[in-house]
Amino acid sequence: MVWARPGLPRKVRSFLNLAALTAMNMRHELQLHIRSALRNGLTRKEIAEALLHCAIYCGYPKAVDALRLMREVYDEIDAEARPKRRGK
């Protein structure tokens, strides 16, 4: 219901979610929303910048943890995109 409301584009809503979930240190939800943010039009660079920006307002440890989680999500996505090798 919230995502369908007019007033904010999905990309902006994704930015807000990344910041809020980083501030609350909600790792599982942040992981899901990093993937969603990519589908909503954010680039990997924009996501990294948003999480880095959180360091000032949410605290450095939370932002570093979020950036580490972002890297894990990107590694998973990249692994999923690689062609599977036969016989392995």
Protein backbone atom coordinates (compact mmCIF):
# COMPACT_ATOMS: atom_id res chain seq x y z
CA MET A 1 0.00 0.00 0.00
CA VAL A 2 2.78 2.46 0.86
CA TRP A 3 4.80 1.66 -2.26
CA ALA A 4 1.80 2.34 -4.52
CA ARG A 5 1.11 5.81 -3.13
CA PRO A 6 1.72 8.78 -5.40
CA GLY A 7 4.15 11.47 -4.34
CA LEU A 8 7.49 9.65 -4.33
CA PRO A 9 9.03 7.60 -7.11
CA ARG A 10 10.07 4.03 -6.28
CA LYS A 11 13.73 5.01 -6.61
CA VAL A 12 13.38 7.64 -3.88
CA ARG A 13 11.49 5.21 -1.66
CA SER A 14 14.36 2.76 -2.09
CA PHE A 15 16.86 5.41 -0.98
CA LEU A 16 14.77 6.07 2.12
CA ASN A 17 14.53 2.36 2.93
CA LEU A 18 18.29 1.87 2.61
CA ALA A 19 18.92 4.72 5.04
CA ALA A 20 16.27 3.65 7.54
CA LEU A 21 17.31 0.00 7.54
CA THR A 22 20.96 0.97 7.91
CA ALA A 23 20.09 3.22 10.86
CA MET A 24 18.18 0.39 12.54
CA ASN A 25 20.85 -2.20 11.64
CA MET A 26 18.23 -4.47 10.10
CA ARG A 27 20.59 -6.71 8.12
CA HIS A 28 18.12 -9.20 6.64
CA GLU A 29 15.71 -6.51 5.49
CA LEU A 30 18.57 -4.36 4.18
CA GLN A 31 19.79 -7.28 2.09
CA LEU A 32 16.35 -7.63 0.52
CA HIS A 33 16.04 -3.90 -0.10
CA ILE A 34 19.47 -3.65 -1.73
CA ARG A 35 18.23 -6.14 -4.33
CA SER A 36 14.94 -4.24 -4.63
CA ALA A 37 16.76 -0.92 -5.00
CA LEU A 38 18.59 -2.28 -8.04
CA ARG A 39 15.25 -3.35 -9.55
CA ASN A 40 13.83 0.11 -8.74
CA GLY A 41 16.49 1.83 -10.81
CA LEU A 42 19.30 2.64 -8.39
CA THR A 43 22.79 1.92 -9.61
CA ARG A 44 25.38 0.08 -7.55
CA LYS A 45 27.25 3.37 -7.20
CA GLU A 46 24.13 5.19 -5.92
CA ILE A 47 23.49 2.46 -3.36
CA ALA A 48 27.10 2.62 -2.15
CA GLU A 49 26.89 6.42 -1.88
CA ALA A 50 23.62 6.24 0.06
CA LEU A 51 25.10 3.76 2.54
CA LEU A 52 28.31 5.77 2.87
CA HIS A 53 26.21 8.89 3.51
CA CYS A 54 24.60 7.03 6.41
CA ALA A 55 27.98 6.88 8.18
CA ILE A 56 27.61 10.50 9.27
CA TYR A 57 24.02 10.26 10.45
CA CYS A 58 23.66 6.63 11.57
CA GLY A 59 27.15 5.89 12.79
CA TYR A 60 30.24 4.54 11.12
CA PRO A 61 29.91 0.92 12.36
CA LYS A 62 26.37 0.59 10.99
CA ALA A 63 27.37 2.08 7.64
CA VAL A 64 30.43 -0.16 7.34
CA ASP A 65 28.28 -3.19 8.14
CA ALA A 66 25.75 -2.09 5.51
CA LEU A 67 28.51 -1.64 2.91
CA ARG A 68 29.87 -5.09 3.75
CA LEU A 69 26.39 -6.55 3.32
CA MET A 70 26.01 -4.66 0.02
CA ARG A 71 29.20 -6.32 -1.26
CA GLU A 72 27.82 -9.75 -0.25
CA VAL A 73 24.58 -9.05 -2.14
CA TYR A 74 26.51 -7.93 -5.23
CA ASP A 75 28.69 -11.05 -5.06
CA GLU A 76 25.55 -13.23 -4.89
CA ILE A 77 23.96 -11.39 -7.82
CA ASP A 78 27.14 -11.68 -9.89
CA ALA A 79 27.41 -15.41 -9.08
CA GLU A 80 23.78 -15.94 -10.12
CA ALA A 81 24.47 -14.18 -13.43
CA ARG A 82 27.49 -16.32 -14.31
CA PRO A 83 26.75 -19.23 -16.63
CA LYS A 84 26.69 -22.58 -14.89
CA ARG A 85 29.47 -24.98 -15.83
CA ARG A 86 28.40 -28.44 -16.89
CA GLY A 87 29.51 -31.37 -14.80
CA LYS A 88 29.99 -29.38 -11.63
